[in-house]
Amino acid sequence: MTGATEVSPLARRELALVDLLDRLLAGGVVITGDVTLRIADVDLVRIDLNALISSVGAQVRSPWEEAV
């Protein structure tokens, strides 16, 4: 046995940001979060975030298209 540690092929795999976004949007992403701005235990601002981000195919009609 040698002192070198083996690294799995997946650990060294590089992934471009565009490829990552393409994979995420293909399946859809749900983002949720809460942000609270507080001073001296008094809540001043609270923001709740709920977002669904997904890609849409060309077959799906836009609900904002004018009827012809």
N, C-alpha and C. Protein backbone atom coordinates (compact mmCIF):
# COMPACT_ATOMS: atom_id res chain seq x y z
N MET A 1 0.85 -1.16 0.00
CA MET A 1 0.00 0.00 0.00
C MET A 1 0.90 1.23 0.00
N THR A 2 0.56 2.20 -0.83
CA THR A 2 1.36 3.41 -0.92
C THR A 2 0.74 4.51 -0.08
N GLY A 3 1.52 5.57 0.16
CA GLY A 3 1.05 6.69 0.97
C GLY A 3 0.14 7.64 0.19
N ALA A 4 0.04 7.47 -1.13
CA ALA A 4 -0.79 8.37 -1.94
C ALA A 4 -2.26 8.01 -1.78
N THR A 5 -3.08 9.02 -1.68
CA THR A 5 -4.52 8.79 -1.59
C THR A 5 -5.13 8.87 -2.98
N GLU A 6 -6.08 8.01 -3.22
CA GLU A 6 -6.74 8.00 -4.52
C GLU A 6 -7.89 9.00 -4.52
N VAL A 7 -8.02 9.71 -5.63
CA VAL A 7 -9.10 10.68 -5.80
C VAL A 7 -10.07 10.11 -6.82
N SER A 8 -11.35 10.11 -6.49
CA SER A 8 -12.34 9.57 -7.42
C SER A 8 -12.43 10.46 -8.66
N PRO A 9 -12.79 9.89 -9.80
CA PRO A 9 -12.89 10.69 -11.03
C PRO A 9 -13.92 11.82 -10.92
N LEU A 10 -14.98 11.63 -10.13
CA LEU A 10 -16.00 12.67 -10.00
C LEU A 10 -15.49 13.87 -9.20
N ALA A 11 -14.55 13.65 -8.31
CA ALA A 11 -14.04 14.74 -7.48
C ALA A 11 -13.21 15.72 -8.31
N ARG A 12 -12.56 15.24 -9.37
CA ARG A 12 -11.73 16.11 -10.19
C ARG A 12 -12.48 16.66 -11.39
N ARG A 13 -13.71 16.29 -11.59
CA ARG A 13 -14.47 16.72 -12.76
C ARG A 13 -14.83 18.20 -12.64
N GLU A 14 -14.53 18.96 -13.67
CA GLU A 14 -14.87 20.39 -13.69
C GLU A 14 -16.20 20.57 -14.39
N LEU A 15 -16.99 21.49 -13.88
CA LEU A 15 -18.31 21.74 -14.44
C LEU A 15 -18.44 23.24 -14.66
N ALA A 16 -18.72 23.62 -15.89
CA ALA A 16 -18.87 25.04 -16.22
C ALA A 16 -20.18 25.55 -15.64
N LEU A 17 -20.21 26.84 -15.34
CA LEU A 17 -21.42 27.45 -14.78
C LEU A 17 -22.60 27.32 -15.73
N VAL A 18 -22.36 27.42 -17.01
CA VAL A 18 -23.44 27.29 -18.00
C VAL A 18 -24.02 25.88 -17.95
N ASP A 19 -23.17 24.88 -17.84
CA ASP A 19 -23.65 23.50 -17.75
C ASP A 19 -24.46 23.27 -16.47
N LEU A 20 -24.00 23.84 -15.37
CA LEU A 20 -24.72 23.72 -14.11
C LEU A 20 -26.10 24.36 -14.21
N LEU A 21 -26.18 25.57 -14.76
CA LEU A 21 -27.47 26.25 -14.93
C LEU A 21 -28.39 25.46 -15.85
N ASP A 22 -27.84 24.89 -16.92
CA ASP A 22 -28.64 24.10 -17.85
C ASP A 22 -29.25 22.89 -17.15
N ARG A 23 -28.48 22.21 -16.32
CA ARG A 23 -28.99 21.06 -15.59
C ARG A 23 -30.04 21.46 -14.57
N LEU A 24 -29.81 22.57 -13.87
CA LEU A 24 -30.78 23.01 -12.87
C LEU A 24 -32.09 23.44 -13.50
N LEU A 25 -32.01 24.21 -14.59
CA LEU A 25 -33.23 24.71 -15.22
C LEU A 25 -34.00 23.61 -15.94
N ALA A 26 -33.33 22.57 -16.37
CA ALA A 26 -34.02 21.46 -17.03
C ALA A 26 -35.00 20.78 -16.07
N GLY A 27 -34.63 20.70 -14.80
CA GLY A 27 -35.51 20.07 -13.82
C GLY A 27 -36.29 21.07 -12.99
N GLY A 28 -35.84 22.31 -12.94
CA GLY A 28 -36.49 23.33 -12.14
C GLY A 28 -35.81 23.48 -10.79
N VAL A 29 -35.87 24.68 -10.26
CA VAL A 29 -35.25 24.99 -8.98
C VAL A 29 -36.24 25.77 -8.14
N VAL A 30 -36.36 25.40 -6.87
CA VAL A 30 -37.19 26.15 -5.94
C VAL A 30 -36.26 26.82 -4.94
N ILE A 31 -36.40 28.14 -4.80
CA ILE A 31 -35.58 28.90 -3.87
C ILE A 31 -36.49 29.48 -2.80
N THR A 32 -36.17 29.22 -1.54
CA THR A 32 -36.93 29.79 -0.44
C THR A 32 -35.95 30.37 0.57
N GLY A 33 -36.38 31.42 1.23
CA GLY A 33 -35.51 32.01 2.23
C GLY A 33 -36.21 33.10 3.02
N ASP A 34 -35.64 33.43 4.15
CA ASP A 34 -36.14 34.50 5.01
C ASP A 34 -34.97 35.38 5.40
N VAL A 35 -35.18 36.69 5.34
CA VAL A 35 -34.17 37.65 5.77
C VAL A 35 -34.84 38.61 6.75
N THR A 36 -34.23 38.80 7.91
CA THR A 36 -34.78 39.71 8.91
C THR A 36 -33.69 40.67 9.34
N LEU A 37 -34.00 41.97 9.24
CA LEU A 37 -33.09 43.00 9.72
C LEU A 37 -33.55 43.39 11.11
N ARG A 38 -32.67 43.19 12.10
CA ARG A 38 -33.05 43.36 13.50
C ARG A 38 -32.01 44.22 14.20
N ILE A 39 -32.48 45.18 14.97
CA ILE A 39 -31.59 46.01 15.80
C ILE A 39 -32.14 45.98 17.22
N ALA A 40 -31.30 45.62 18.17
CA ALA A 40 -31.67 45.57 19.60
C ALA A 40 -32.92 44.72 19.81
N ASP A 41 -32.93 43.55 19.20
CA ASP A 41 -34.04 42.60 19.29
C ASP A 41 -35.38 43.16 18.83
N VAL A 42 -35.34 44.14 17.93
CA VAL A 42 -36.56 44.68 17.33
C VAL A 42 -36.48 44.42 15.83
N ASP A 43 -37.45 43.65 15.30
CA ASP A 43 -37.48 43.37 13.86
C ASP A 43 -37.89 44.63 13.10
N LEU A 44 -37.00 45.09 12.22
CA LEU A 44 -37.30 46.29 11.44
C LEU A 44 -37.82 45.93 10.05
N VAL A 45 -37.18 44.95 9.41
CA VAL A 45 -37.56 44.55 8.05
C VAL A 45 -37.52 43.03 7.97
N ARG A 46 -38.57 42.45 7.38
CA ARG A 46 -38.58 41.02 7.15
C ARG A 46 -38.96 40.76 5.71
N ILE A 47 -38.16 39.94 5.04
CA ILE A 47 -38.40 39.61 3.64
C ILE A 47 -38.50 38.09 3.53
N ASP A 48 -39.60 37.61 2.96
CA ASP A 48 -39.78 36.18 2.68
C ASP A 48 -39.65 35.98 1.17
N LEU A 49 -38.85 35.01 0.77
CA LEU A 49 -38.60 34.75 -0.64
C LEU A 49 -39.07 33.35 -0.98
N ASN A 50 -39.92 33.25 -1.98
CA ASN A 50 -40.34 31.97 -2.55
C ASN A 50 -40.30 32.14 -4.06
N ALA A 51 -39.44 31.38 -4.73
CA ALA A 51 -39.29 31.51 -6.17
C ALA A 51 -39.18 30.14 -6.81
N LEU A 52 -39.79 29.98 -7.97
CA LEU A 52 -39.66 28.78 -8.79
C LEU A 52 -39.04 29.20 -10.10
N ILE A 53 -37.90 28.62 -10.42
CA ILE A 53 -37.18 28.96 -11.65
C ILE A 53 -37.12 27.69 -12.49
N SER A 54 -37.60 27.79 -13.72
CA SER A 54 -37.62 26.62 -14.59
C SER A 54 -37.56 27.08 -16.04
N SER A 55 -37.11 26.21 -16.91
CA SER A 55 -37.09 26.53 -18.33
C SER A 55 -38.44 26.15 -18.93
N VAL A 56 -38.76 26.78 -20.05
CA VAL A 56 -40.02 26.54 -20.74
C VAL A 56 -39.70 26.19 -22.18
N GLY A 57 -40.32 25.13 -22.68
CA GLY A 57 -40.08 24.71 -24.06
C GLY A 57 -40.86 25.57 -25.04
N ALA A 58 -40.50 25.47 -26.31
CA ALA A 58 -41.16 26.24 -27.36
C ALA A 58 -42.61 25.81 -27.56
N GLN A 59 -42.97 24.61 -27.14
CA GLN A 59 -44.33 24.11 -27.32
C GLN A 59 -45.32 24.78 -26.37
N VAL A 60 -44.84 25.36 -25.29
CA VAL A 60 -45.72 25.97 -24.30
C VAL A 60 -46.04 27.39 -24.74
N ARG A 61 -47.32 27.70 -24.88
CA ARG A 61 -47.73 29.03 -25.30
C ARG A 61 -47.65 30.01 -24.14
N SER A 62 -47.33 31.24 -24.45
CA SER A 62 -47.25 32.28 -23.45
C SER A 62 -48.67 32.73 -23.07
N PRO A 63 -48.95 32.92 -21.80
CA PRO A 63 -50.29 33.38 -21.42
C PRO A 63 -50.50 34.85 -21.78
N TRP A 64 -49.47 35.57 -22.17
CA TRP A 64 -49.58 36.99 -22.48
C TRP A 64 -49.66 37.26 -23.98
N GLU A 65 -49.68 36.22 -24.82
CA GLU A 65 -49.80 36.44 -26.25
C GLU A 65 -51.21 36.94 -26.58
N GLU A 66 -51.27 37.82 -27.56
CA GLU A 66 -52.57 38.31 -27.98
C GLU A 66 -53.26 37.25 -28.81
N ALA A 67 -54.55 37.07 -28.59
CA ALA A 67 -55.32 36.09 -29.36
C ALA A 67 -55.49 36.60 -30.78
N VAL A 68 -55.24 35.74 -31.75
CA VAL A 68 -55.36 36.14 -33.16
C VAL A 68 -56.64 35.60 -33.72
